[in-house]
């Protein structure tokens, strides 16, 4: 979850730098980093979903 929140923070920083530099590059880099930092969270949630689908008695 920390990496996911760090990704959101990077998006905010990228937006600020985009405004200061008048360039889309900081926002593009920040958004790319945010997507990469979201992968571990998605894997964890996917594994949790797969376990719950495999064991229907577990809620």
N, C-alpha and C. Protein backbone atom coordinates (compact mmCIF):
# COMPACT_ATOMS: atom_id res chain seq x y z
N UNK A 1 0.82 -1.18 0.00
CA UNK A 1 0.00 0.00 0.00
C UNK A 1 0.87 1.26 0.00
N UNK A 2 2.02 1.18 0.64
CA UNK A 2 2.91 2.34 0.68
C UNK A 2 3.39 2.71 -0.72
N UNK A 3 3.72 1.70 -1.52
CA UNK A 3 4.18 1.98 -2.88
C UNK A 3 3.06 2.61 -3.71
N UNK A 4 1.83 2.16 -3.50
CA UNK A 4 0.68 2.72 -4.20
C UNK A 4 0.51 4.20 -3.85
N UNK A 5 0.62 4.51 -2.57
CA UNK A 5 0.50 5.90 -2.14
C UNK A 5 1.68 6.74 -2.64
N UNK A 6 2.86 6.15 -2.69
CA UNK A 6 4.01 6.85 -3.25
C UNK A 6 3.77 7.19 -4.71
N UNK A 7 3.13 6.30 -5.44
CA UNK A 7 2.79 6.56 -6.83
C UNK A 7 1.87 7.76 -6.97
N UNK A 8 0.88 7.85 -6.08
CA UNK A 8 -0.02 9.01 -6.12
C UNK A 8 0.73 10.30 -5.78
N UNK A 9 1.65 10.21 -4.84
CA UNK A 9 2.46 11.38 -4.49
C UNK A 9 3.30 11.82 -5.69
N UNK A 10 3.85 10.85 -6.40
CA UNK A 10 4.64 11.18 -7.59
C UNK A 10 3.79 11.86 -8.66
N UNK A 11 2.55 11.46 -8.78
CA UNK A 11 1.65 12.11 -9.75
C UNK A 11 1.45 13.57 -9.36
N UNK A 12 1.27 13.83 -8.08
CA UNK A 12 1.11 15.21 -7.63
C UNK A 12 2.37 16.03 -7.88
N UNK A 13 3.53 15.44 -7.61
CA UNK A 13 4.80 16.13 -7.86
C UNK A 13 4.97 16.36 -9.36
N UNK A 14 4.64 15.37 -10.16
CA UNK A 14 4.73 15.51 -11.61
C UNK A 14 3.82 16.60 -12.14
N UNK A 15 2.63 16.71 -11.55
CA UNK A 15 1.71 17.77 -11.97
C UNK A 15 2.27 19.15 -11.63
N UNK A 16 2.87 19.25 -10.45
CA UNK A 16 3.49 20.52 -10.06
C UNK A 16 4.65 20.89 -10.96
N UNK A 17 5.48 19.91 -11.26
CA UNK A 17 6.62 20.17 -12.16
C UNK A 17 6.15 20.47 -13.57
N UNK A 18 5.06 19.85 -13.99
CA UNK A 18 4.51 20.13 -15.31
C UNK A 18 4.07 21.59 -15.39
N UNK A 19 3.46 22.08 -14.32
CA UNK A 19 3.01 23.47 -14.30
C UNK A 19 4.21 24.42 -14.30
N UNK A 20 5.26 24.06 -13.55
CA UNK A 20 6.44 24.95 -13.46
C UNK A 20 7.25 24.96 -14.75
N UNK A 21 7.39 23.80 -15.37
CA UNK A 21 8.28 23.71 -16.55
C UNK A 21 7.54 23.88 -17.87
N UNK A 22 6.20 23.86 -17.82
CA UNK A 22 5.40 23.93 -19.05
C UNK A 22 5.74 22.78 -20.02
N UNK A 23 6.03 21.62 -19.43
CA UNK A 23 6.37 20.44 -20.21
C UNK A 23 5.54 19.26 -19.73
N UNK A 24 5.17 18.38 -20.63
CA UNK A 24 4.40 17.19 -20.27
C UNK A 24 5.29 16.06 -19.75
N UNK A 25 6.58 16.17 -19.93
CA UNK A 25 7.50 15.10 -19.56
C UNK A 25 7.44 14.74 -18.08
N UNK A 26 7.46 15.70 -17.12
CA UNK A 26 7.39 15.29 -15.72
C UNK A 26 6.13 14.51 -15.37
N UNK A 27 5.01 14.90 -15.93
CA UNK A 27 3.77 14.19 -15.64
C UNK A 27 3.78 12.80 -16.27
N UNK A 28 4.33 12.68 -17.45
CA UNK A 28 4.42 11.37 -18.10
C UNK A 28 5.31 10.42 -17.29
N UNK A 29 6.43 10.92 -16.82
CA UNK A 29 7.32 10.09 -16.01
C UNK A 29 6.67 9.70 -14.68
N UNK A 30 6.00 10.65 -14.05
CA UNK A 30 5.34 10.37 -12.78
C UNK A 30 4.20 9.36 -12.96
N UNK A 31 3.44 9.50 -14.02
CA UNK A 31 2.34 8.56 -14.26
C UNK A 31 2.88 7.16 -14.54
N UNK A 32 3.96 7.07 -15.28
CA UNK A 32 4.57 5.76 -15.55
C UNK A 32 5.06 5.12 -14.26
N UNK A 33 5.69 5.91 -13.41
CA UNK A 33 6.16 5.38 -12.12
C UNK A 33 4.98 4.94 -11.26
N UNK A 34 3.90 5.70 -11.28
CA UNK A 34 2.72 5.33 -10.49
C UNK A 34 2.15 4.00 -10.94
N UNK A 35 2.10 3.78 -12.22
CA UNK A 35 1.59 2.50 -12.74
C UNK A 35 2.50 1.36 -12.32
N UNK A 36 3.81 1.55 -12.41
CA UNK A 36 4.74 0.50 -12.01
C UNK A 36 4.67 0.23 -10.51
N UNK A 37 4.45 1.25 -9.72
CA UNK A 37 4.37 1.06 -8.27
C UNK A 37 3.05 0.42 -7.85
N UNK A 38 2.06 0.42 -8.72
CA UNK A 38 0.77 -0.18 -8.42
C UNK A 38 0.78 -1.71 -8.65
N UNK A 39 1.72 -2.23 -9.39
CA UNK A 39 1.74 -3.64 -9.75
C UNK A 39 1.77 -4.57 -8.54
N UNK A 40 2.62 -4.33 -7.52
CA UNK A 40 2.61 -5.26 -6.37
C UNK A 40 1.26 -5.32 -5.66
N UNK A 41 0.57 -4.19 -5.55
CA UNK A 41 -0.74 -4.18 -4.92
C UNK A 41 -1.74 -5.00 -5.74
N UNK A 42 -1.71 -4.83 -7.05
CA UNK A 42 -2.62 -5.60 -7.90
C UNK A 42 -2.33 -7.09 -7.84
N UNK A 43 -1.06 -7.45 -7.76
CA UNK A 43 -0.71 -8.88 -7.64
C UNK A 43 -1.23 -9.45 -6.33
N UNK A 44 -1.09 -8.70 -5.25
CA UNK A 44 -1.57 -9.16 -3.96
C UNK A 44 -3.09 -9.31 -3.97
N UNK A 45 -3.78 -8.34 -4.51
CA UNK A 45 -5.23 -8.42 -4.58
C UNK A 45 -5.69 -9.56 -5.49
N UNK A 46 -4.97 -9.76 -6.60
CA UNK A 46 -5.30 -10.87 -7.50
C UNK A 46 -5.10 -12.22 -6.84
N UNK A 47 -4.03 -12.36 -6.07
CA UNK A 47 -3.78 -13.62 -5.37
C UNK A 47 -4.85 -13.86 -4.31
N UNK A 48 -5.26 -12.81 -3.63
CA UNK A 48 -6.31 -12.95 -2.62
C UNK A 48 -7.62 -13.36 -3.27
N UNK A 49 -7.92 -12.77 -4.42
CA UNK A 49 -9.15 -13.11 -5.14
C UNK A 49 -9.09 -14.56 -5.63
N UNK A 50 -7.94 -14.98 -6.12
CA UNK A 50 -7.80 -16.36 -6.60
C UNK A 50 -7.97 -17.36 -5.47
N UNK A 51 -7.43 -17.04 -4.29
CA UNK A 51 -7.59 -17.95 -3.15
C UNK A 51 -9.06 -18.05 -2.74
N UNK A 52 -9.76 -16.93 -2.76
CA UNK A 52 -11.16 -16.97 -2.35
C UNK A 52 -12.01 -17.72 -3.38
N UNK A 53 -11.63 -17.66 -4.64
CA UNK A 53 -12.36 -18.40 -5.67
C UNK A 53 -12.07 -19.89 -5.56
N UNK A 54 -10.86 -20.26 -5.11
CA UNK A 54 -10.49 -21.66 -5.02
C UNK A 54 -11.14 -22.32 -3.80
N UNK A 55 -11.41 -21.56 -2.74
CA UNK A 55 -12.00 -22.10 -1.52
C UNK A 55 -13.33 -21.39 -1.26
N UNK A 56 -14.45 -21.94 -1.78
CA UNK A 56 -15.74 -21.25 -1.66
C UNK A 56 -16.27 -21.22 -0.23
N UNK A 57 -15.75 -22.06 0.69
CA UNK A 57 -16.24 -22.02 2.07
C UNK A 57 -15.63 -20.86 2.85
N UNK A 58 -14.56 -20.30 2.34
CA UNK A 58 -13.89 -19.18 3.00
C UNK A 58 -14.55 -17.88 2.58
N UNK A 59 -14.82 -17.01 3.52
CA UNK A 59 -15.47 -15.73 3.20
C UNK A 59 -14.54 -14.60 3.46
